C-alpha atoms as a PDB file:
ATOM      1  CA  MET A   1     -21.512  11.226  14.044  1.00  0.00           C
ATOM      2  CA  THR A   2     -20.943  14.974  13.991  1.00  0.00           C
ATOM      3  CA  ASP A   3     -18.296  14.769  16.715  1.00  0.00           C
ATOM      4  CA  LEU A   4     -16.094  12.220  14.918  1.00  0.00           C
ATOM      5  CA  PRO A   5     -12.429  13.238  14.565  1.00  0.00           C
ATOM      6  CA  PRO A   6     -10.559  13.253  11.234  1.00  0.00           C
ATOM      7  CA  ARG A   7      -9.429   9.657  10.753  1.00  0.00           C
ATOM      8  CA  LEU A   8      -7.155   7.943   8.235  1.00  0.00           C
ATOM      9  CA  VAL A   9      -7.495   4.267   7.269  1.00  0.00           C
ATOM     10  CA  SER A  10      -5.427   2.160   4.899  1.00  0.00           C
ATOM     11  CA  GLY A  11      -4.393  -1.436   4.405  1.00  0.00           C
ATOM     12  CA  ILE A  12      -1.852  -3.573   2.583  1.00  0.00           C
ATOM     13  CA  GLN A  13      -2.040  -7.169   1.463  1.00  0.00           C
ATOM     14  CA  PRO A  14       0.553  -9.624   2.860  1.00  0.00           C
ATOM     15  CA  SER A  15       1.368 -11.110  -0.509  1.00  0.00           C
ATOM     16  CA  GLY A  16       5.165 -11.142  -0.589  1.00  0.00           C
ATOM     17  CA  GLU A  17       8.240  -9.003  -0.031  1.00  0.00           C
ATOM     18  CA  LEU A  18       7.563  -5.277   0.166  1.00  0.00           C
ATOM     19  CA  HIS A  19       9.153  -3.367  -2.679  1.00  0.00           C
ATOM     20  CA  LEU A  20      10.050   0.182  -3.687  1.00  0.00           C
ATOM     21  CA  GLY A  21       6.556   0.726  -5.095  1.00  0.00           C
ATOM     22  CA  ASN A  22       5.041  -0.116  -1.697  1.00  0.00           C
ATOM     23  CA  TYR A  23       7.455   2.216   0.046  1.00  0.00           C
ATOM     24  CA  PHE A  24       7.231   5.326  -2.123  1.00  0.00           C
ATOM     25  CA  GLY A  25       3.606   4.772  -3.092  1.00  0.00           C
ATOM     26  CA  ALA A  26       2.261   4.152   0.406  1.00  0.00           C
ATOM     27  CA  ILE A  27       4.558   3.554   3.389  1.00  0.00           C
ATOM     28  CA  ALA A  28       6.532   6.808   3.134  1.00  0.00           C
ATOM     29  CA  GLN A  29       3.227   8.675   2.933  1.00  0.00           C
ATOM     30  CA  PHE A  30       1.895   6.907   6.038  1.00  0.00           C
ATOM     31  CA  VAL A  31       5.017   7.850   7.988  1.00  0.00           C
ATOM     32  CA  LYS A  32       4.346  11.520   7.186  1.00  0.00           C
ATOM     33  CA  LEU A  33       0.590  11.346   7.721  1.00  0.00           C
ATOM     34  CA  GLN A  34       0.944   9.670  11.117  1.00  0.00           C
ATOM     35  CA  GLU A  35       1.936  13.075  12.487  1.00  0.00           C
ATOM     36  CA  GLU A  36      -1.159  14.756  11.048  1.00  0.00           C
ATOM     37  CA  TYR A  37      -3.512  11.981  12.202  1.00  0.00           C
ATOM     38  CA  ALA A  38      -1.682  10.922  15.380  1.00  0.00           C
ATOM     39  CA  GLY A  39      -3.999   8.714  17.406  1.00  0.00           C
ATOM     40  CA  ASN A  40      -6.480   8.470  14.523  1.00  0.00           C
ATOM     41  CA  CYS A  41      -4.403   6.615  11.929  1.00  0.00           C
ATOM     42  CA  PHE A  42      -5.388   2.981  11.301  1.00  0.00           C
ATOM     43  CA  VAL A  43      -3.234   0.701   9.129  1.00  0.00           C
ATOM     44  CA  PHE A  44      -4.252  -2.943   8.796  1.00  0.00           C
ATOM     45  CA  ILE A  45      -2.654  -5.987   7.195  1.00  0.00           C
ATOM     46  CA  ALA A  46      -5.336  -7.331   4.865  1.00  0.00           C
ATOM     47  CA  ASP A  47      -5.051 -11.076   5.440  1.00  0.00           C
ATOM     48  CA  TYR A  48      -8.756 -11.697   4.674  1.00  0.00           C
ATOM     49  CA  HIS A  49      -8.201 -10.152   1.241  1.00  0.00           C
ATOM     50  CA  ALA A  50      -5.074 -12.253   0.729  1.00  0.00           C
ATOM     51  CA  LEU A  51      -7.164 -15.428   0.839  1.00  0.00           C
ATOM     52  CA  THR A  52      -8.314 -14.734  -2.734  1.00  0.00           C
ATOM     53  CA  THR A  53      -4.820 -15.693  -3.929  1.00  0.00           C
ATOM     54  CA  VAL A  54      -2.755 -17.224  -1.075  1.00  0.00           C
ATOM     55  CA  ARG A  55      -3.342 -20.935  -0.432  1.00  0.00           C
ATOM     56  CA  ASP A  56      -0.431 -21.632   1.926  1.00  0.00           C
ATOM     57  CA  ALA A  57      -1.227 -21.089   5.617  1.00  0.00           C
ATOM     58  CA  GLU A  58       2.389 -20.813   6.766  1.00  0.00           C
ATOM     59  CA  LYS A  59       3.213 -18.431   3.928  1.00  0.00           C
ATOM     60  CA  LEU A  60       0.315 -16.179   4.933  1.00  0.00           C
ATOM     61  CA  ARG A  61       1.343 -16.138   8.601  1.00  0.00           C
ATOM     62  CA  THR A  62       4.949 -15.349   7.664  1.00  0.00           C
ATOM     63  CA  SER A  63       3.898 -12.636   5.218  1.00  0.00           C
ATOM     64  CA  VAL A  64       1.699 -10.928   7.816  1.00  0.00           C
ATOM     65  CA  PHE A  65       4.612 -10.796  10.243  1.00  0.00           C
ATOM     66  CA  ASP A  66       7.034  -9.569   7.573  1.00  0.00           C
ATOM     67  CA  VAL A  67       4.705  -6.731   6.561  1.00  0.00           C
ATOM     68  CA  ALA A  68       4.248  -5.648  10.182  1.00  0.00           C
ATOM     69  CA  ALA A  69       7.996  -5.810  10.879  1.00  0.00           C
ATOM     70  CA  SER A  70       8.716  -3.865   7.683  1.00  0.00           C
ATOM     71  CA  TYR A  71       6.236  -1.090   8.464  1.00  0.00           C
ATOM     72  CA  LEU A  72       7.633  -0.672  11.967  1.00  0.00           C
ATOM     73  CA  ALA A  73      11.230  -0.731  10.735  1.00  0.00           C
ATOM     74  CA  LEU A  74      10.437   1.884   8.085  1.00  0.00           C
ATOM     75  CA  GLY A  75       9.086   4.378  10.593  1.00  0.00           C
ATOM     76  CA  LEU A  76       5.504   3.584  11.567  1.00  0.00           C
ATOM     77  CA  ASP A  77       5.145   4.626  15.224  1.00  0.00           C
ATOM     78  CA  PRO A  78       2.690   2.415  17.191  1.00  0.00           C
ATOM     79  CA  SER A  79       2.133   5.269  19.647  1.00  0.00           C
ATOM     80  CA  LYS A  80       0.575   7.244  16.769  1.00  0.00           C
ATOM     81  CA  VAL A  81      -0.657   4.509  14.423  1.00  0.00           C
ATOM     82  CA  THR A  82      -2.934   1.565  15.137  1.00  0.00           C
ATOM     83  CA  LEU A  83      -1.302  -1.325  13.256  1.00  0.00           C
ATOM     84  CA  PHE A  84      -3.230  -4.613  13.281  1.00  0.00           C
ATOM     85  CA  ARG A  85      -4.291  -7.744  11.420  1.00  0.00           C
ATOM     86  CA  GLN A  86      -7.579  -7.424   9.560  1.00  0.00           C
ATOM     87  CA  SER A  87      -8.638 -10.910  10.687  1.00  0.00           C
ATOM     88  CA  ASP A  88      -8.297  -9.949  14.361  1.00  0.00           C
ATOM     89  CA  VAL A  89     -11.317  -7.660  13.932  1.00  0.00           C
ATOM     90  CA  VAL A  90     -14.248  -9.753  12.655  1.00  0.00           C
ATOM     91  CA  GLU A  91     -16.426  -6.637  12.429  1.00  0.00           C
ATOM     92  CA  HIS A  92     -14.890  -6.118   8.966  1.00  0.00           C
ATOM     93  CA  VAL A  93     -16.679  -9.223   7.705  1.00  0.00           C
ATOM     94  CA  GLU A  94     -19.931  -8.479   9.523  1.00  0.00           C
ATOM     95  CA  LEU A  95     -20.209  -4.998   8.027  1.00  0.00           C
ATOM     96  CA  SER A  96     -19.297  -6.298   4.568  1.00  0.00           C
ATOM     97  CA  TRP A  97     -22.382  -8.545   4.602  1.00  0.00           C
ATOM     98  CA  MET A  98     -24.602  -5.643   5.594  1.00  0.00           C
ATOM     99  CA  LEU A  99     -23.139  -3.521   2.797  1.00  0.00           C
ATOM    100  CA  ALA A 100     -23.586  -6.374   0.310  1.00  0.00           C
ATOM    101  CA  SER A 101     -27.275  -6.409   1.180  1.00  0.00           C
ATOM    102  CA  VAL A 102     -27.736  -2.901  -0.226  1.00  0.00           C
ATOM    103  CA  THR A 103     -25.140  -3.008  -3.048  1.00  0.00           C
ATOM    104  CA  GLY A 104     -26.205  -3.602  -6.645  1.00  0.00           C
ATOM    105  CA  MET A 105     -24.435  -6.191  -8.788  1.00  0.00           C
ATOM    106  CA  GLY A 106     -23.840  -3.557 -11.463  1.00  0.00           C
ATOM    107  CA  LEU A 107     -21.578  -1.561  -9.163  1.00  0.00           C
ATOM    108  CA  LEU A 108     -19.278  -4.538  -8.574  1.00  0.00           C
ATOM    109  CA  GLU A 109     -19.343  -5.570 -12.225  1.00  0.00           C
ATOM    110  CA  ARG A 110     -17.810  -2.208 -13.112  1.00  0.00           C
ATOM    111  CA  ALA A 111     -14.761  -2.733 -10.876  1.00  0.00           C
ATOM    112  CA  HIS A 112     -11.581  -2.202 -12.905  1.00  0.00           C
ATOM    113  CA  SER A 113      -9.404  -4.350 -10.657  1.00  0.00           C
ATOM    114  CA  PHE A 114     -11.683  -7.384 -11.078  1.00  0.00           C
ATOM    115  CA  LYS A 115     -11.600  -7.057 -14.864  1.00  0.00           C
ATOM    116  CA  ASP A 116      -7.817  -6.597 -14.846  1.00  0.00           C
ATOM    117  CA  LYS A 117      -7.221  -9.680 -12.711  1.00  0.00           C
ATOM    118  CA  ILE A 118      -9.487 -11.821 -14.886  1.00  0.00           C
ATOM    119  CA  ALA A 119      -7.643 -10.563 -17.972  1.00  0.00           C
ATOM    120  CA  LYS A 120      -4.394 -11.760 -16.362  1.00  0.00           C
ATOM    121  CA  GLY A 121      -5.822 -15.263 -16.020  1.00  0.00           C
ATOM    122  CA  ILE A 122      -6.736 -15.196 -12.304  1.00  0.00           C
ATOM    123  CA  ARG A 123      -9.715 -17.465 -11.533  1.00  0.00           C
ATOM    124  CA  PRO A 124     -12.858 -15.338 -11.035  1.00  0.00           C
ATOM    125  CA  SER A 125     -13.835 -16.466  -7.548  1.00  0.00           C
ATOM    126  CA  VAL A 126     -16.759 -14.999  -5.602  1.00  0.00           C
ATOM    127  CA  GLY A 127     -14.230 -13.557  -3.160  1.00  0.00           C
ATOM    128  CA  LEU A 128     -12.428 -11.687  -5.915  1.00  0.00           C
ATOM    129  CA  PHE A 129     -15.735 -10.277  -7.165  1.00  0.00           C
ATOM    130  CA  TYR A 130     -16.767  -9.385  -3.592  1.00  0.00           C
ATOM    131  CA  TYR A 131     -13.413  -7.729  -2.848  1.00  0.00           C
ATOM    132  CA  PRO A 132     -14.684  -4.097  -3.139  1.00  0.00           C
ATOM    133  CA  VAL A 133     -17.419  -4.770  -0.566  1.00  0.00           C
ATOM    134  CA  LEU A 134     -14.946  -6.021   2.024  1.00  0.00           C
ATOM    135  CA  MET A 135     -12.657  -3.103   1.189  1.00  0.00           C
ATOM    136  CA  ALA A 136     -15.556  -0.709   1.767  1.00  0.00           C
ATOM    137  CA  ALA A 137     -16.205  -2.343   5.136  1.00  0.00           C
ATOM    138  CA  ASP A 138     -12.494  -2.013   5.996  1.00  0.00           C
ATOM    139  CA  ILE A 139     -12.852   1.744   5.564  1.00  0.00           C
ATOM    140  CA  LEU A 140     -16.356   2.406   6.884  1.00  0.00           C
ATOM    141  CA  VAL A 141     -16.053   0.338  10.061  1.00  0.00           C
ATOM    142  CA  TYR A 142     -13.512   2.889  11.372  1.00  0.00           C
ATOM    143  CA  ASP A 143     -15.489   5.990  10.331  1.00  0.00           C
ATOM    144  CA  ALA A 144     -12.601   6.972   8.064  1.00  0.00           C
ATOM    145  CA  SER A 145     -12.595  10.522   6.761  1.00  0.00           C
ATOM    146  CA  VAL A 146      -9.639  10.014   4.415  1.00  0.00           C
ATOM    147  CA  VAL A 147      -8.104   7.047   2.566  1.00  0.00           C
ATOM    148  CA  PRO A 148      -4.653   7.516   0.975  1.00  0.00           C
ATOM    149  CA  VAL A 149      -4.505   5.679  -2.364  1.00  0.00           C
ATOM    150  CA  GLY A 150      -2.817   5.609  -5.736  1.00  0.00           C
ATOM    151  CA  LYS A 151      -4.809   6.442  -8.862  1.00  0.00           C
ATOM    152  CA  ASP A 152      -5.536   2.762  -9.518  1.00  0.00           C
ATOM    153  CA  GLN A 153      -7.417   2.521  -6.204  1.00  0.00           C
ATOM    154  CA  VAL A 154      -9.554   5.660  -6.529  1.00  0.00           C
ATOM    155  CA  GLN A 155     -12.466   3.664  -7.964  1.00  0.00           C
ATOM    156  CA  HIS A 156     -12.570   1.473  -4.834  1.00  0.00           C
ATOM    157  CA  VAL A 157     -12.962   4.530  -2.616  1.00  0.00           C
ATOM    158  CA  GLU A 158     -15.668   5.883  -4.926  1.00  0.00           C
ATOM    159  CA  MET A 159     -17.459   2.525  -4.660  1.00  0.00           C
ATOM    160  CA  THR A 160     -17.127   2.779  -0.877  1.00  0.00           C
ATOM    161  CA  GLN A 161     -18.786   6.197  -1.032  1.00  0.00           C
ATOM    162  CA  ASP A 162     -21.640   4.708  -3.061  1.00  0.00           C
ATOM    163  CA  MET A 163     -22.111   1.843  -0.614  1.00  0.00           C
ATOM    164  CA  ALA A 164     -22.161   4.214   2.353  1.00  0.00           C
ATOM    165  CA  THR A 165     -24.779   6.336   0.588  1.00  0.00           C
ATOM    166  CA  HIS A 166     -26.925   3.291  -0.260  1.00  0.00           C
ATOM    167  CA  PHE A 167     -26.721   2.059   3.323  1.00  0.00           C
ATOM    168  CA  ASN A 168     -27.579   5.454   4.785  1.00  0.00           C
ATOM    169  CA  GLU A 169     -30.536   5.809   2.422  1.00  0.00           C
ATOM    170  CA  ALA A 170     -31.793   2.362   3.392  1.00  0.00           C
ATOM    171  CA  PHE A 171     -31.290   2.561   7.161  1.00  0.00           C
ATOM    172  CA  GLY A 172     -30.432   6.127   8.120  1.00  0.00           C
ATOM    173  CA  GLY A 173     -32.776   8.560   9.781  1.00  0.00           C
ATOM    174  CA  ALA A 174     -32.136  12.219  10.428  1.00  0.00           C
ATOM    175  CA  GLU A 175     -28.417  11.476  10.680  1.00  0.00           C
ATOM    176  CA  PRO A 176     -26.339   9.129   8.461  1.00  0.00           C
ATOM    177  CA  VAL A 177     -25.220   5.833   9.967  1.00  0.00           C
ATOM    178  CA  LEU A 178     -21.944   5.526   8.054  1.00  0.00           C
ATOM    179  CA  ARG A 179     -19.406   8.264   7.415  1.00  0.00           C
ATOM    180  CA  ARG A 180     -18.597   9.020   3.775  1.00  0.00           C
ATOM    181  CA  PRO A 181     -14.799   8.930   3.235  1.00  0.00           C
ATOM    182  CA  GLU A 182     -12.702  10.882   0.747  1.00  0.00           C
ATOM    183  CA  TYR A 183      -9.591   9.669  -1.054  1.00  0.00           C
ATOM    184  CA  ARG A 184      -6.191  11.304  -0.835  1.00  0.00           C
ATOM    185  CA  LEU A 185      -3.910  10.665  -3.786  1.00  0.00           C
ATOM    186  CA  SER A 186      -0.354   9.546  -3.218  1.00  0.00           C
ATOM    187  CA  PRO A 187       2.120  12.286  -4.227  1.00  0.00           C
ATOM    188  CA  VAL A 188       4.059   9.637  -6.192  1.00  0.00           C
ATOM    189  CA  ALA A 189       2.115   8.957  -9.405  1.00  0.00           C
ATOM    190  CA  LYS A 190       3.888   5.704 -10.363  1.00  0.00           C
ATOM    191  CA  VAL A 191       6.982   3.848  -9.259  1.00  0.00           C
ATOM    192  CA  PRO A 192       8.313   2.004 -12.323  1.00  0.00           C
ATOM    193  CA  GLY A 193       9.360  -1.609 -12.118  1.00  0.00           C
ATOM    194  CA  ILE A 194      12.431  -3.085 -13.757  1.00  0.00           C
ATOM    195  CA  ASP A 195      10.441  -3.357 -17.018  1.00  0.00           C
ATOM    196  CA  GLY A 196       9.179   0.227 -16.930  1.00  0.00           C
ATOM    197  CA  GLU A 197       5.597  -0.745 -16.068  1.00  0.00           C
ATOM    198  CA  LYS A 198       4.141   0.037 -12.642  1.00  0.00           C
ATOM    199  CA  MET A 199       6.121  -1.865 -10.011  1.00  0.00           C
ATOM    200  CA  SER A 200       3.927  -4.729  -8.844  1.00  0.00           C
ATOM    201  CA  LYS A 201       4.313  -8.278  -7.552  1.00  0.00           C
ATOM    202  CA  SER A 202       1.641  -9.226 -10.099  1.00  0.00           C
ATOM    203  CA  TYR A 203       4.062  -8.290 -12.903  1.00  0.00           C
ATOM    204  CA  ASP A 204       7.119  -9.827 -11.170  1.00  0.00           C
ATOM    205  CA  ASN A 205       9.036  -6.582 -11.818  1.00  0.00           C
ATOM    206  CA  THR A 206       9.823  -5.440  -8.282  1.00  0.00           C
ATOM    207  CA  ILE A 207      12.919  -4.373  -6.346  1.00  0.00           C
ATOM    208  CA  PRO A 208      12.518  -5.496  -2.710  1.00  0.00           C
ATOM    209  CA  ILE A 209      13.104  -2.818  -0.068  1.00  0.00           C
ATOM    210  CA  PHE A 210      15.529  -4.818   2.060  1.00  0.00           C
ATOM    211  CA  MET A 211      17.462  -6.559  -0.716  1.00  0.00           C
ATOM    212  CA  THR A 212      21.184  -5.830  -0.520  1.00  0.00           C
ATOM    213  CA  GLY A 213      24.594  -6.901  -1.818  1.00  0.00           C
ATOM    214  CA  LYS A 214      25.009  -8.969  -4.998  1.00  0.00           C
ATOM    215  CA  LYS A 215      21.292  -9.796  -5.160  1.00  0.00           C
ATOM    216  CA  LEU A 216      20.387  -6.112  -5.223  1.00  0.00           C
ATOM    217  CA  LYS A 217      23.016  -5.323  -7.872  1.00  0.00           C
ATOM    218  CA  LYS A 218      21.762  -8.195 -10.039  1.00  0.00           C
ATOM    219  CA  LYS A 219      18.155  -7.052  -9.669  1.00  0.00           C
ATOM    220  CA  VAL A 220      18.999  -3.448 -10.557  1.00  0.00           C
ATOM    221  CA  ALA A 221      21.124  -4.614 -13.492  1.00  0.00           C
ATOM    222  CA  GLY A 222      17.905  -6.029 -14.959  1.00  0.00           C
ATOM    223  CA  VAL A 223      16.218  -2.628 -15.266  1.00  0.00           C
ATOM    224  CA  VAL A 224      15.266  -2.244 -18.937  1.00  0.00           C
ATOM    225  CA  THR A 225      17.047   0.466 -20.957  1.00  0.00           C
ATOM    226  CA  ASP A 226      17.547   1.212 -24.640  1.00  0.00           C
ATOM    227  CA  SER A 227      20.627   0.110 -26.596  1.00  0.00           C
ATOM    228  CA  LYS A 228      22.672   3.334 -26.579  1.00  0.00           C
ATOM    229  CA  ALA A 229      26.386   2.755 -26.146  1.00  0.00           C
ATOM    230  CA  LEU A 230      28.643   3.969 -23.352  1.00  0.00           C
ATOM    231  CA  GLY A 231      29.357   7.664 -23.844  1.00  0.00           C
ATOM    232  CA  ASP A 232      26.294   8.366 -26.019  1.00  0.00           C
ATOM    233  CA  PRO A 233      24.002  11.184 -24.818  1.00  0.00           C
ATOM    234  CA  LEU A 234      21.085   9.726 -22.820  1.00  0.00           C
ATOM    235  CA  ASP A 235      17.595  11.078 -22.187  1.00  0.00           C
ATOM    236  CA  PRO A 236      16.814  11.172 -18.443  1.00  0.00           C
ATOM    237  CA  GLU A 237      13.131  11.809 -19.140  1.00  0.00           C
ATOM    238  CA  THR A 238      12.611   8.428 -20.807  1.00  0.00           C
ATOM    239  CA  CYS A 239      15.033   6.304 -18.770  1.00  0.00           C
ATOM    240  CA  ASN A 240      13.640   3.736 -16.310  1.00  0.00           C
ATOM    241  CA  VAL A 241      16.819   3.887 -14.223  1.00  0.00           C
ATOM    242  CA  PHE A 242      16.614   7.671 -13.902  1.00  0.00           C
ATOM    243  CA  ALA A 243      12.918   7.405 -12.994  1.00  0.00           C
ATOM    244  CA  LEU A 244      13.906   5.193 -10.049  1.00  0.00           C
ATOM    245  CA  LEU A 245      16.892   7.352  -9.123  1.00  0.00           C
ATOM    246  CA  LYS A 246      14.555  10.361  -8.846  1.00  0.00           C
ATOM    247  CA  MET A 247      13.064   8.707  -5.765  1.00  0.00           C
ATOM    248  CA  PHE A 248      16.430   9.008  -4.029  1.00  0.00           C
ATOM    249  CA  VAL A 249      18.131  12.113  -5.446  1.00  0.00           C
ATOM    250  CA  HIS A 250      16.746  15.641  -5.326  1.00  0.00           C
ATOM    251  CA  GLY A 251      17.642  19.261  -6.040  1.00  0.00           C
ATOM    252  CA  GLU A 252      21.170  19.946  -7.245  1.00  0.00           C
ATOM    253  CA  GLU A 253      22.153  16.272  -7.105  1.00  0.00           C
ATOM    254  CA  ARG A 254      19.319  15.366  -9.482  1.00  0.00           C
ATOM    255  CA  GLU A 255      20.247  18.189 -11.870  1.00  0.00           C
ATOM    256  CA  GLU A 256      23.867  17.058 -11.850  1.00  0.00           C
ATOM    257  CA  LEU A 257      22.812  13.491 -12.626  1.00  0.00           C
ATOM    258  CA  ALA A 258      20.595  14.688 -15.488  1.00  0.00           C
ATOM    259  CA  GLY A 259      23.603  16.592 -16.817  1.00  0.00           C
ATOM    260  CA  TRP A 260      25.701  13.419 -16.858  1.00  0.00           C
ATOM    261  CA  TYR A 261      22.915  11.706 -18.805  1.00  0.00           C
ATOM    262  CA  ARG A 262      22.640  14.406 -21.452  1.00  0.00           C
ATOM    263  CA  ALA A 263      26.392  14.690 -21.885  1.00  0.00           C
ATOM    264  CA  GLY A 264      27.056  10.954 -21.771  1.00  0.00           C
ATOM    265  CA  ALA A 265      29.976  11.859 -19.536  1.00  0.00           C
ATOM    266  CA  ARG A 266      30.907  12.410 -15.891  1.00  0.00           C
ATOM    267  CA  ASP A 267      34.032  14.286 -14.816  1.00  0.00           C
ATOM    268  CA  GLY A 268      35.484  13.903 -18.310  1.00  0.00           C
ATOM    269  CA  ALA A 269      34.908  10.147 -18.461  1.00  0.00           C
ATOM    270  CA  PRO A 270      32.195   8.313 -20.441  1.00  0.00           C
ATOM    271  CA  PHE A 271      28.928   7.780 -18.554  1.00  0.00           C
ATOM    272  CA  GLY A 272      26.359   5.109 -19.402  1.00  0.00           C
ATOM    273  CA  TYR A 273      23.481   3.033 -18.102  1.00  0.00           C
ATOM    274  CA  GLY A 274      25.830   0.712 -16.215  1.00  0.00           C
ATOM    275  CA  HIS A 275      27.084   3.630 -14.118  1.00  0.00           C
ATOM    276  CA  ALA A 276      23.525   4.786 -13.471  1.00  0.00           C
ATOM    277  CA  LYS A 277      22.538   1.302 -12.315  1.00  0.00           C
ATOM    278  CA  GLN A 278      25.528   1.109  -9.966  1.00  0.00           C
ATOM    279  CA  LEU A 279      24.492   4.439  -8.485  1.00  0.00           C
ATOM    280  CA  LEU A 280      20.882   3.274  -8.084  1.00  0.00           C
ATOM    281  CA  ALA A 281      21.933   0.109  -6.227  1.00  0.00           C
ATOM    282  CA  ALA A 282      24.148   2.158  -3.912  1.00  0.00           C
ATOM    283  CA  LYS A 283      21.339   4.650  -3.216  1.00  0.00           C
ATOM    284  CA  ILE A 284      18.836   1.896  -2.408  1.00  0.00           C
ATOM    285  CA  ASP A 285      21.303   0.122  -0.127  1.00  0.00           C
ATOM    286  CA  ALA A 286      22.186   3.303   1.782  1.00  0.00           C
ATOM    287  CA  HIS A 287      18.629   4.659   2.005  1.00  0.00           C
ATOM    288  CA  PHE A 288      17.258   1.566   3.728  1.00  0.00           C
ATOM    289  CA  ALA A 289      20.337   0.604   5.783  1.00  0.00           C
ATOM    290  CA  ASP A 290      18.953   1.725   9.167  1.00  0.00           C
ATOM    291  CA  ALA A 291      15.501   0.292   8.486  1.00  0.00           C
ATOM    292  CA  ARG A 292      17.054  -2.987   7.354  1.00  0.00           C
ATOM    293  CA  ALA A 293      18.900  -3.288  10.670  1.00  0.00           C
ATOM    294  CA  LYS A 294      15.651  -2.686  12.590  1.00  0.00           C
ATOM    295  CA  TYR A 295      13.839  -5.236  10.426  1.00  0.00           C
ATOM    296  CA  GLU A 296      16.502  -7.845  11.157  1.00  0.00           C
ATOM    297  CA  ALA A 297      16.194  -7.088  14.886  1.00  0.00           C
ATOM    298  CA  PHE A 298      12.428  -7.693  14.697  1.00  0.00           C
ATOM    299  CA  GLN A 299      13.062 -10.982  12.929  1.00  0.00           C
ATOM    300  CA  ALA A 300      15.390 -11.986  15.759  1.00  0.00           C
ATOM    301  CA  ASP A 301      12.805 -11.024  18.408  1.00  0.00           C
ATOM    302  CA  PRO A 302       9.286 -11.512  16.953  1.00  0.00           C
ATOM    303  CA  SER A 303       7.625 -10.795  20.310  1.00  0.00           C
ATOM    304  CA  GLN A 304       8.052  -7.046  19.738  1.00  0.00           C
ATOM    305  CA  VAL A 305       5.985  -7.170  16.564  1.00  0.00           C
ATOM    306  CA  ASP A 306       3.412  -9.539  18.066  1.00  0.00           C
ATOM    307  CA  ALA A 307       2.871  -7.133  20.964  1.00  0.00           C
ATOM    308  CA  VAL A 308       2.251  -4.229  18.588  1.00  0.00           C
ATOM    309  CA  LEU A 309      -0.280  -6.225  16.550  1.00  0.00           C
ATOM    310  CA  GLU A 310      -2.119  -7.418  19.660  1.00  0.00           C
ATOM    311  CA  ALA A 311      -2.361  -3.904  21.081  1.00  0.00           C
ATOM    312  CA  GLY A 312      -3.443  -2.594  17.691  1.00  0.00           C
ATOM    313  CA  ALA A 313      -6.182  -5.197  17.372  1.00  0.00           C
ATOM    314  CA  LYS A 314      -7.546  -4.259  20.794  1.00  0.00           C
ATOM    315  CA  ARG A 315      -7.694  -0.582  19.876  1.00  0.00           C
ATOM    316  CA  ALA A 316      -9.152  -1.285  16.407  1.00  0.00           C
ATOM    317  CA  LYS A 317     -11.789  -3.632  17.780  1.00  0.00           C
ATOM    318  CA  ALA A 318     -12.999  -0.985  20.213  1.00  0.00           C
ATOM    319  CA  VAL A 319     -13.484   1.567  17.418  1.00  0.00           C
ATOM    320  CA  ALA A 320     -15.018  -0.960  15.005  1.00  0.00           C
ATOM    321  CA  GLY A 321     -17.289  -2.239  17.777  1.00  0.00           C
ATOM    322  CA  ALA A 322     -18.688   1.230  18.397  1.00  0.00           C
ATOM    323  CA  THR A 323     -19.473   1.610  14.690  1.00  0.00           C
ATOM    324  CA  MET A 324     -21.163  -1.777  14.567  1.00  0.00           C
ATOM    325  CA  ASP A 325     -23.299  -1.001  17.619  1.00  0.00           C
ATOM    326  CA  ARG A 326     -24.632   1.985  15.675  1.00  0.00           C
ATOM    327  CA  VAL A 327     -25.087  -0.106  12.505  1.00  0.00           C
ATOM    328  CA  ARG A 328     -26.850  -2.982  14.267  1.00  0.00           C
ATOM    329  CA  LYS A 329     -29.244  -0.590  15.943  1.00  0.00           C
ATOM    330  CA  ALA A 330     -30.033   1.153  12.645  1.00  0.00           C
ATOM    331  CA  THR A 331     -30.727  -2.158  10.845  1.00  0.00           C
ATOM    332  CA  GLY A 332     -32.810  -3.643  13.635  1.00  0.00           C
ATOM    333  CA  LEU A 333     -30.341  -6.418  14.477  1.00  0.00           C
ATOM    334  CA  ARG A 334     -30.177  -5.027  18.028  1.00  0.00           C
END
């Protein structure tokens, strides 16, 4: 294992339209990191994980395609990134069982995400409880050295580290069998939803990446603000609209916008939340215009996306297979 290259691994669930939180919290980071980890960047669409909540076969198939098309449209380069379906590489499931055999119940019982989902009324299935084990296998089967995550996912990477350690202690010899990964925090701490909470499909507070026109304006109009009147001074530091605008405006433009907020005026005319929302809708529409056109082209010709996923699965399976050969030998299964 000493000659393994630096390798990045991440995944996303196909559970609906991608939104601004997905983009700024993950996808934009992947597009940058694909240069640093060119040839050793693995991004999978977690359709096995999606089975804990999705019960519609056609919806799952469509969502997998939409996620792949979106990632490619937004800048993921298949010559640098291995993009594939999780379910095309069954080694994920095989390794998860081996990890489960050395993982204590107490570790899984401490998982924050499981507790949060139960608190929201989601049925506590075995799959939901087992989720961190499969996630650990997703990472370890590719000998990942780094996993980009938001703060809410750090615990899962730490659990993966624990599982790798337990496995190596149980089956390793002079050299560890599984590589211990490290997490890499997203530079964007939180992308707020239209209600000010973290943008998430679970909270139904998202702004879809490729939404445009009247639908986009209506969605943005729903961003929660206080009740200050047009022309009143506004606080950019506490405004949900400004927090979203910061994703699109930088430097002098951001300072100018903050000035309009504090003055409650722009170019001598009153300035209010309605103007800020109009600006946000325009920024979203313009920022994703090129990617939206590419996404629509992929929808018109699905074979392009299918070819990328098939090639990605072949590459991923080769890497995962090499890991599993090592794991099977260490456990005595070969």
